[in-house]
Amino acid sequence: AITAAQYVHFLNEAAAAGLVKERYGTIYPID
């Protein structure tokens, strides 16, 4: 199964591109 570290890598790529946001403890795409 995809690991937490592997998914965190993906999220940090998205965050570096400004494509994610957080709301009440949940992560969403920016749009």
Full PDB file with SEQRES, HELIX, SHEET, SSBOND, CRYST1, ORIGX, SCALE, CONECT and MASTER records, all heavy atoms in Angstrom:
SEQRES   1 A   31  ALA ILE THR ALA ALA GLN TYR VAL HIS PHE LEU ASN GLU          
SEQRES   2 A   31  ALA ALA ALA ALA GLY LEU VAL LYS GLU ARG TYR GLY THR          
SEQRES   3 A   31  ILE TYR PRO ILE ASP                                          
HELIX    1 AA1 ALA A    4  ALA A   16  1                                  13    
SHEET    1 AA1 2 VAL A  20  ARG A  23  0                                        
SHEET    2 AA1 2 THR A  26  PRO A  29 -1                                        
CRYST1    1.000    1.000    1.000  90.00  90.00  90.00 P 1           1          
ORIGX1      1.000000  0.000000  0.000000        0.00000                         
ORIGX2      0.000000  1.000000  0.000000        0.00000                         
ORIGX3      0.000000  0.000000  1.000000        0.00000                         
SCALE1      1.000000  0.000000  0.000000        0.00000                         
SCALE2      0.000000  1.000000  0.000000        0.00000                         
SCALE3      0.000000  0.000000  1.000000        0.00000                         
ATOM      1  N   ALA A   1       0.856  -1.186   0.000  1.00  0.00           N  
ATOM      2  CA  ALA A   1       0.000   0.000   0.000  1.00  0.00           C  
ATOM      3  C   ALA A   1       0.893   1.238   0.000  1.00  0.00           C  
ATOM      4  O   ALA A   1       2.026   1.214   0.500  1.00  0.00           O  
ATOM      5  CB  ALA A   1      -0.901  -0.013   1.228  1.00  0.00           C  
ATOM      6  N   ILE A   2       0.398   2.325  -0.572  1.00  0.00           N  
ATOM      7  CA  ILE A   2       1.135   3.581  -0.549  1.00  0.00           C  
ATOM      8  C   ILE A   2       1.299   4.025   0.903  1.00  0.00           C  
ATOM      9  O   ILE A   2       0.355   4.002   1.699  1.00  0.00           O  
ATOM     10  CB  ILE A   2       0.402   4.656  -1.369  1.00  0.00           C  
ATOM     11  CG1 ILE A   2       0.349   4.243  -2.841  1.00  0.00           C  
ATOM     12  CG2 ILE A   2       1.072   6.016  -1.207  1.00  0.00           C  
ATOM     13  CD1 ILE A   2       1.688   4.018  -3.490  1.00  0.00           C  
ATOM     14  N   THR A   3       2.517   4.414   1.251  1.00  0.00           N  
ATOM     15  CA  THR A   3       2.827   4.734   2.650  1.00  0.00           C  
ATOM     16  C   THR A   3       2.528   6.202   2.968  1.00  0.00           C  
ATOM     17  O   THR A   3       2.357   7.042   2.076  1.00  0.00           O  
ATOM     18  CB  THR A   3       4.297   4.453   2.958  1.00  0.00           C  
ATOM     19  OG1 THR A   3       5.117   5.369   2.208  1.00  0.00           O  
ATOM     20  CG2 THR A   3       4.674   3.017   2.626  1.00  0.00           C  
ATOM     21  N   ALA A   4       2.539   6.484   4.258  1.00  0.00           N  
ATOM     22  CA  ALA A   4       2.345   7.864   4.703  1.00  0.00           C  
ATOM     23  C   ALA A   4       3.442   8.764   4.151  1.00  0.00           C  
ATOM     24  O   ALA A   4       3.179   9.888   3.715  1.00  0.00           O  
ATOM     25  CB  ALA A   4       2.323   7.909   6.229  1.00  0.00           C  
ATOM     26  N   ALA A   5       4.686   8.289   4.154  1.00  0.00           N  
ATOM     27  CA  ALA A   5       5.793   9.101   3.632  1.00  0.00           C  
ATOM     28  C   ALA A   5       5.620   9.387   2.150  1.00  0.00           C  
ATOM     29  O   ALA A   5       5.907  10.501   1.677  1.00  0.00           O  
ATOM     30  CB  ALA A   5       7.122   8.395   3.893  1.00  0.00           C  
ATOM     31  N   GLN A   6       5.165   8.401   1.404  1.00  0.00           N  
ATOM     32  CA  GLN A   6       4.974   8.589  -0.038  1.00  0.00           C  
ATOM     33  C   GLN A   6       3.852   9.574  -0.325  1.00  0.00           C  
ATOM     34  O   GLN A   6       3.954  10.407  -1.236  1.00  0.00           O  
ATOM     35  CB  GLN A   6       4.715   7.237  -0.703  1.00  0.00           C  
ATOM     36  CG  GLN A   6       5.954   6.354  -0.736  1.00  0.00           C  
ATOM     37  CD  GLN A   6       5.671   4.880  -0.943  1.00  0.00           C  
ATOM     38  OE1 GLN A   6       4.516   4.434  -0.884  1.00  0.00           O  
ATOM     39  NE2 GLN A   6       6.712   4.110  -1.166  1.00  0.00           N  
ATOM     40  N   TYR A   7       2.793   9.518   0.467  1.00  0.00           N  
ATOM     41  CA  TYR A   7       1.696  10.458   0.248  1.00  0.00           C  
ATOM     42  C   TYR A   7       2.091  11.861   0.710  1.00  0.00           C  
ATOM     43  O   TYR A   7       1.706  12.857   0.083  1.00  0.00           O  
ATOM     44  CB  TYR A   7       0.431   9.996   0.954  1.00  0.00           C  
ATOM     45  CG  TYR A   7      -0.815  10.648   0.397  1.00  0.00           C  
ATOM     46  CD1 TYR A   7      -1.360  10.225  -0.808  1.00  0.00           C  
ATOM     47  CD2 TYR A   7      -1.417  11.719   1.049  1.00  0.00           C  
ATOM     48  CE1 TYR A   7      -2.482  10.842  -1.348  1.00  0.00           C  
ATOM     49  CE2 TYR A   7      -2.546  12.333   0.518  1.00  0.00           C  
ATOM     50  CZ  TYR A   7      -3.069  11.900  -0.679  1.00  0.00           C  
ATOM     51  OH  TYR A   7      -4.176  12.520  -1.217  1.00  0.00           O  
ATOM     52  N   VAL A   8       2.868  11.961   1.768  1.00  0.00           N  
ATOM     53  CA  VAL A   8       3.359  13.260   2.222  1.00  0.00           C  
ATOM     54  C   VAL A   8       4.241  13.905   1.153  1.00  0.00           C  
ATOM     55  O   VAL A   8       4.186  15.123   0.930  1.00  0.00           O  
ATOM     56  CB  VAL A   8       4.105  13.114   3.561  1.00  0.00           C  
ATOM     57  CG1 VAL A   8       5.041  14.295   3.817  1.00  0.00           C  
ATOM     58  CG2 VAL A   8       3.107  12.989   4.705  1.00  0.00           C  
ATOM     59  N   HIS A   9       5.059  13.107   0.478  1.00  0.00           N  
ATOM     60  CA  HIS A   9       5.864  13.605  -0.637  1.00  0.00           C  
ATOM     61  C   HIS A   9       4.955  14.267  -1.676  1.00  0.00           C  
ATOM     62  O   HIS A   9       5.234  15.381  -2.155  1.00  0.00           O  
ATOM     63  CB  HIS A   9       6.628  12.433  -1.254  1.00  0.00           C  
ATOM     64  CG  HIS A   9       7.343  12.765  -2.536  1.00  0.00           C  
ATOM     65  ND1 HIS A   9       8.694  12.988  -2.595  1.00  0.00           N  
ATOM     66  CD2 HIS A   9       6.881  12.901  -3.819  1.00  0.00           C  
ATOM     67  CE1 HIS A   9       9.047  13.253  -3.859  1.00  0.00           C  
ATOM     68  NE2 HIS A   9       7.962  13.199  -4.621  1.00  0.00           N  
ATOM     69  N   PHE A  10       3.884  13.598  -2.027  1.00  0.00           N  
ATOM     70  CA  PHE A  10       2.918  14.140  -2.987  1.00  0.00           C  
ATOM     71  C   PHE A  10       2.306  15.445  -2.479  1.00  0.00           C  
ATOM     72  O   PHE A  10       2.221  16.444  -3.208  1.00  0.00           O  
ATOM     73  CB  PHE A  10       1.837  13.101  -3.248  1.00  0.00           C  
ATOM     74  CG  PHE A  10       0.532  13.655  -3.754  1.00  0.00           C  
ATOM     75  CD1 PHE A  10       0.419  14.157  -5.039  1.00  0.00           C  
ATOM     76  CD2 PHE A  10      -0.587  13.666  -2.937  1.00  0.00           C  
ATOM     77  CE1 PHE A  10      -0.789  14.669  -5.505  1.00  0.00           C  
ATOM     78  CE2 PHE A  10      -1.798  14.167  -3.396  1.00  0.00           C  
ATOM     79  CZ  PHE A  10      -1.896  14.672  -4.684  1.00  0.00           C  
ATOM     80  N   LEU A  11       1.879  15.459  -1.217  1.00  0.00           N  
ATOM     81  CA  LEU A  11       1.250  16.657  -0.667  1.00  0.00           C  
ATOM     82  C   LEU A  11       2.212  17.841  -0.647  1.00  0.00           C  
ATOM     83  O   LEU A  11       1.813  18.983  -0.904  1.00  0.00           O  
ATOM     84  CB  LEU A  11       0.744  16.375   0.754  1.00  0.00           C  
ATOM     85  CG  LEU A  11      -0.460  15.445   0.872  1.00  0.00           C  
ATOM     86  CD1 LEU A  11      -0.731  15.126   2.342  1.00  0.00           C  
ATOM     87  CD2 LEU A  11      -1.700  16.047   0.223  1.00  0.00           C  
ATOM     88  N   ASN A  12       3.483  17.586  -0.341  1.00  0.00           N  
ATOM     89  CA  ASN A  12       4.444  18.682  -0.324  1.00  0.00           C  
ATOM     90  C   ASN A  12       4.720  19.209  -1.724  1.00  0.00           C  
ATOM     91  O   ASN A  12       4.965  20.416  -1.898  1.00  0.00           O  
ATOM     92  CB  ASN A  12       5.741  18.237   0.362  1.00  0.00           C  
ATOM     93  CG  ASN A  12       5.620  18.294   1.878  1.00  0.00           C  
ATOM     94  OD1 ASN A  12       4.974  19.185   2.425  1.00  0.00           O  
ATOM     95  ND2 ASN A  12       6.226  17.342   2.556  1.00  0.00           N  
ATOM     96  N   GLU A  13       4.679  18.349  -2.745  1.00  0.00           N  
ATOM     97  CA  GLU A  13       4.771  18.848  -4.122  1.00  0.00           C  
ATOM     98  C   GLU A  13       3.589  19.755  -4.435  1.00  0.00           C  
ATOM     99  O   GLU A  13       3.755  20.827  -5.027  1.00  0.00           O  
ATOM    100  CB  GLU A  13       4.812  17.680  -5.116  1.00  0.00           C  
ATOM    101  CG  GLU A  13       6.150  16.998  -5.232  1.00  0.00           C  
ATOM    102  CD  GLU A  13       6.304  16.225  -6.533  1.00  0.00           C  
ATOM    103  OE1 GLU A  13       5.295  15.995  -7.232  1.00  0.00           O  
ATOM    104  OE2 GLU A  13       7.440  15.868  -6.849  1.00  0.00           O  
ATOM    105  N   ALA A  14       2.409  19.320  -4.033  1.00  0.00           N  
ATOM    106  CA  ALA A  14       1.212  20.132  -4.275  1.00  0.00           C  
ATOM    107  C   ALA A  14       1.275  21.447  -3.505  1.00  0.00           C  
ATOM    108  O   ALA A  14       0.913  22.505  -4.027  1.00  0.00           O  
ATOM    109  CB  ALA A  14      -0.031  19.348  -3.899  1.00  0.00           C  
ATOM    110  N   ALA A  15       1.738  21.381  -2.252  1.00  0.00           N  
ATOM    111  CA  ALA A  15       1.823  22.593  -1.433  1.00  0.00           C  
ATOM    112  C   ALA A  15       2.843  23.572  -2.003  1.00  0.00           C  
ATOM    113  O   ALA A  15       2.616  24.791  -2.017  1.00  0.00           O  
ATOM    114  CB  ALA A  15       2.188  22.216   0.002  1.00  0.00           C  
ATOM    115  N   ALA A  16       3.965  23.062  -2.494  1.00  0.00           N  
ATOM    116  CA  ALA A  16       4.992  23.928  -3.076  1.00  0.00           C  
ATOM    117  C   ALA A  16       4.466  24.658  -4.307  1.00  0.00           C  
ATOM    118  O   ALA A  16       4.902  25.769  -4.622  1.00  0.00           O  
ATOM    119  CB  ALA A  16       6.227  23.114  -3.434  1.00  0.00           C  
ATOM    120  N   ALA A  17       3.522  24.034  -4.991  1.00  0.00           N  
ATOM    121  CA  ALA A  17       2.913  24.655  -6.168  1.00  0.00           C  
ATOM    122  C   ALA A  17       1.699  25.511  -5.807  1.00  0.00           C  
ATOM    123  O   ALA A  17       1.049  26.067  -6.695  1.00  0.00           O  
ATOM    124  CB  ALA A  17       2.501  23.576  -7.167  1.00  0.00           C  
ATOM    125  N   GLY A  18       1.382  25.605  -4.518  1.00  0.00           N  
ATOM    126  CA  GLY A  18       0.241  26.413  -4.092  1.00  0.00           C  
ATOM    127  C   GLY A  18      -1.097  25.821  -4.449  1.00  0.00           C  
ATOM    128  O   GLY A  18      -2.072  26.546  -4.667  1.00  0.00           O  
ATOM    129  N   LEU A  19      -1.182  24.494  -4.492  1.00  0.00           N  
ATOM    130  CA  LEU A  19      -2.391  23.847  -4.994  1.00  0.00           C  
ATOM    131  C   LEU A  19      -3.209  23.142  -3.928  1.00  0.00           C  
ATOM    132  O   LEU A  19      -4.138  22.398  -4.267  1.00  0.00           O  
ATOM    133  CB  LEU A  19      -2.011  22.844  -6.094  1.00  0.00           C  
ATOM    134  CG  LEU A  19      -1.406  23.477  -7.351  1.00  0.00           C  
ATOM    135  CD1 LEU A  19      -0.969  22.408  -8.333  1.00  0.00           C  
ATOM    136  CD2 LEU A  19      -2.402  24.424  -8.010  1.00  0.00           C  
ATOM    137  N   VAL A  20      -2.909  23.354  -2.655  1.00  0.00           N  
ATOM    138  CA  VAL A  20      -3.697  22.737  -1.593  1.00  0.00           C  
ATOM    139  C   VAL A  20      -4.058  23.770  -0.529  1.00  0.00           C  
ATOM    140  O   VAL A  20      -3.417  24.819  -0.417  1.00  0.00           O  
ATOM    141  CB  VAL A  20      -2.957  21.554  -0.922  1.00  0.00           C  
ATOM    142  CG1 VAL A  20      -2.729  20.420  -1.894  1.00  0.00           C  
ATOM    143  CG2 VAL A  20      -1.638  22.017  -0.308  1.00  0.00           C  
ATOM    144  N   LYS A  21      -5.086  23.448   0.229  1.00  0.00           N  
ATOM    145  CA  LYS A  21      -5.482  24.279   1.355  1.00  0.00           C  
ATOM    146  C   LYS A  21      -6.035  23.383   2.445  1.00  0.00           C  
ATOM    147  O   LYS A  21      -6.449  22.244   2.191  1.00  0.00           O  
ATOM    148  CB  LYS A  21      -6.516  25.316   0.930  1.00  0.00           C  
ATOM    149  CG  LYS A  21      -7.809  24.735   0.348  1.00  0.00           C  
ATOM    150  CD  LYS A  21      -8.708  25.837  -0.172  1.00  0.00           C  
ATOM    151  CE  LYS A  21      -9.953  25.277  -0.855  1.00  0.00           C  
ATOM    152  NZ  LYS A  21     -10.784  26.341  -1.442  1.00  0.00           N  
ATOM    153  N   GLU A  22      -6.032  23.913   3.655  1.00  0.00           N  
ATOM    154  CA  GLU A  22      -6.515  23.149   4.821  1.00  0.00           C  
ATOM    155  C   GLU A  22      -7.746  23.836   5.398  1.00  0.00           C  
ATOM    156  O   GLU A  22      -7.815  25.068   5.452  1.00  0.00           O  
ATOM    157  CB  GLU A  22      -5.414  23.061   5.878  1.00  0.00           C  
ATOM    158  CG  GLU A  22      -5.801  22.253   7.111  1.00  0.00           C  
ATOM    159  CD  GLU A  22      -6.393  23.117   8.233  1.00  0.00           C  
ATOM    160  OE1 GLU A  22      -6.186  24.346   8.193  1.00  0.00           O  
ATOM    161  OE2 GLU A  22      -7.050  22.564   9.132  1.00  0.00           O  
ATOM    162  N   ARG A  23      -8.714  23.035   5.789  1.00  0.00           N  
ATOM    163  CA  ARG A  23      -9.914  23.560   6.440  1.00  0.00           C  
ATOM    164  C   ARG A  23     -10.406  22.554   7.455  1.00  0.00           C  
ATOM    165  O   ARG A  23     -10.746  21.429   7.107  1.00  0.00           O  
ATOM    166  CB  ARG A  23     -11.013  23.846   5.414  1.00  0.00           C  
ATOM    167  CG  ARG A  23     -12.274  24.504   6.001  1.00  0.00           C  
ATOM    168  CD  ARG A  23     -13.217  24.899   4.871  1.00  0.00           C  
ATOM    169  NE  ARG A  23     -14.350  25.662   5.337  1.00  0.00           N  
ATOM    170  CZ  ARG A  23     -15.594  25.162   5.497  1.00  0.00           C  
ATOM    171  NH1 ARG A  23     -15.821  23.885   5.220  1.00  0.00           N  
ATOM    172  NH2 ARG A  23     -16.574  25.935   5.902  1.00  0.00           N  
ATOM    173  N   TYR A  24     -10.401  22.958   8.742  1.00  0.00           N  
ATOM    174  CA  TYR A  24     -10.881  22.115   9.820  1.00  0.00           C  
ATOM    175  C   TYR A  24     -10.222  20.729   9.820  1.00  0.00           C  
ATOM    176  O   TYR A  24     -10.887  19.709  10.002  1.00  0.00           O  
ATOM    177  CB  TYR A  24     -12.399  21.970   9.775  1.00  0.00           C  
ATOM    178  CG  TYR A  24     -13.157  23.269   9.883  1.00  0.00           C  
ATOM    179  CD1 TYR A  24     -14.247  23.526   9.057  1.00  0.00           C  
ATOM    180  CD2 TYR A  24     -12.783  24.244  10.809  1.00  0.00           C  
ATOM    181  CE1 TYR A  24     -14.949  24.720   9.150  1.00  0.00           C  
ATOM    182  CE2 TYR A  24     -13.471  25.448  10.907  1.00  0.00           C  
ATOM    183  CZ  TYR A  24     -14.559  25.675  10.076  1.00  0.00           C  
ATOM    184  OH  TYR A  24     -15.246  26.855  10.178  1.00  0.00           O  
ATOM    185  N   GLY A  25      -8.924  20.689   9.560  1.00  0.00           N  
ATOM    186  CA  GLY A  25      -8.208  19.425   9.646  1.00  0.00           C  
ATOM    187  C   GLY A  25      -8.315  18.545   8.424  1.00  0.00           C  
ATOM    188  O   GLY A  25      -7.900  17.385   8.462  1.00  0.00           O  
ATOM    189  N   THR A  26      -8.837  19.062   7.322  1.00  0.00           N  
ATOM    190  CA  THR A  26      -8.927  18.301   6.083  1.00  0.00           C  
ATOM    191  C   THR A  26      -8.230  19.078   4.974  1.00  0.00           C  
ATOM    192  O   THR A  26      -8.307  20.306   4.924  1.00  0.00           O  
ATOM    193  CB  THR A  26     -10.390  18.024   5.712  1.00  0.00           C  
ATOM    194  OG1 THR A  26     -10.983  17.220   6.739  1.00  0.00           O  
ATOM    195  CG2 THR A  26     -10.505  17.276   4.393  1.00  0.00           C  
ATOM    196  N   ILE A  27      -7.547  18.358   4.083  1.00  0.00           N  
ATOM    197  CA  ILE A  27      -6.821  18.967   2.973  1.00  0.00           C  
ATOM    198  C   ILE A  27      -7.660  18.878   1.708  1.00  0.00           C  
ATOM    199  O   ILE A  27      -8.210  17.819   1.384  1.00  0.00           O  
ATOM    200  CB  ILE A  27      -5.465  18.264   2.763  1.00  0.00           C  
ATOM    201  CG1 ILE A  27      -4.636  18.321   4.051  1.00  0.00           C  
ATOM    202  CG2 ILE A  27      -4.710  18.892   1.599  1.00  0.00           C  
ATOM    203  CD1 ILE A  27      -4.368  19.726   4.571  1.00  0.00           C  
ATOM    204  N   TYR A  28      -7.722  20.008   0.996  1.00  0.00           N  
ATOM    205  CA  TYR A  28      -8.496  20.120  -0.242  1.00  0.00           C  
ATOM    206  C   TYR A  28      -7.621  20.710  -1.348  1.00  0.00           C  
ATOM    207  O   TYR A  28      -6.670  21.456  -1.057  1.00  0.00           O  
ATOM    208  CB  TYR A  28      -9.699  21.055  -0.062  1.00  0.00           C  
ATOM    209  CG  TYR A  28     -10.696  20.631   0.978  1.00  0.00           C  
ATOM    210  CD1 TYR A  28     -10.526  20.980   2.321  1.00  0.00           C  
ATOM    211  CD2 TYR A  28     -11.834  19.903   0.624  1.00  0.00           C  
ATOM    212  CE1 TYR A  28     -11.453  20.600   3.281  1.00  0.00           C  
ATOM    213  CE2 TYR A  28     -12.762  19.524   1.579  1.00  0.00           C  
ATOM    214  CZ  TYR A  28     -12.565  19.871   2.914  1.00  0.00           C  
ATOM    215  OH  TYR A  28     -13.482  19.498   3.861  1.00  0.00           O  
ATOM    216  N   PRO A  29      -7.950  20.458  -2.615  1.00  0.00           N  
ATOM    217  CA  PRO A  29      -7.281  21.194  -3.693  1.00  0.00           C  
ATOM    218  C   PRO A  29      -7.691  22.662  -3.639  1.00  0.00           C  
ATOM    219  O   PRO A  29      -8.803  23.003  -3.221  1.00  0.00           O  
ATOM    220  CB  PRO A  29      -7.781  20.504  -4.962  1.00  0.00           C  
ATOM    221  CG  PRO A  29      -9.071  19.860  -4.576  1.00  0.00           C  
ATOM    222  CD  PRO A  29      -8.918  19.470  -3.130  1.00  0.00           C  
ATOM    223  N   ILE A  30      -6.805  23.517  -4.063  1.00  0.00           N  
ATOM    224  CA  ILE A  30      -7.002  24.954  -3.887  1.00  0.00           C  
ATOM    225  C   ILE A  30      -8.235  25.473  -4.607  1.00  0.00           C  
ATOM    226  O   ILE A  30      -8.852  26.451  -4.173  1.00  0.00           O  
ATOM    227  CB  ILE A  30      -5.738  25.720  -4.359  1.00  0.00           C  
ATOM    228  CG1 ILE A  30      -5.742  27.153  -3.850  1.00  0.00           C  
ATOM    229  CG2 ILE A  30      -5.590  25.646  -5.866  1.00  0.00           C  
ATOM    230  CD1 ILE A  30      -5.570  27.261  -2.351  1.00  0.00           C  
ATOM    231  N   ASP A  31      -8.630  24.830  -5.721  1.00  0.00           N  
ATOM    232  CA  ASP A  31      -9.770  25.346  -6.473  1.00  0.00           C  
ATOM    233  C   ASP A  31     -11.092  24.697  -6.082  1.00  0.00           C  
ATOM    234  O   ASP A  31     -12.087  24.839  -6.787  1.00  0.00           O  
ATOM    235  CB  ASP A  31      -9.535  25.211  -7.979  1.00  0.00           C  
ATOM    236  CG  ASP A  31      -9.357  23.775  -8.429  1.00  0.00           C  
ATOM    237  OD1 ASP A  31      -9.258  22.894  -7.555  1.00  0.00           O  
ATOM    238  OD2 ASP A  31      -9.312  23.535  -9.650  1.00  0.00           O  
TER     239      ASP A  31                                                      
MASTER        0    0    0    1    2    0    0    6  238    1    0    3          
END                                                                             
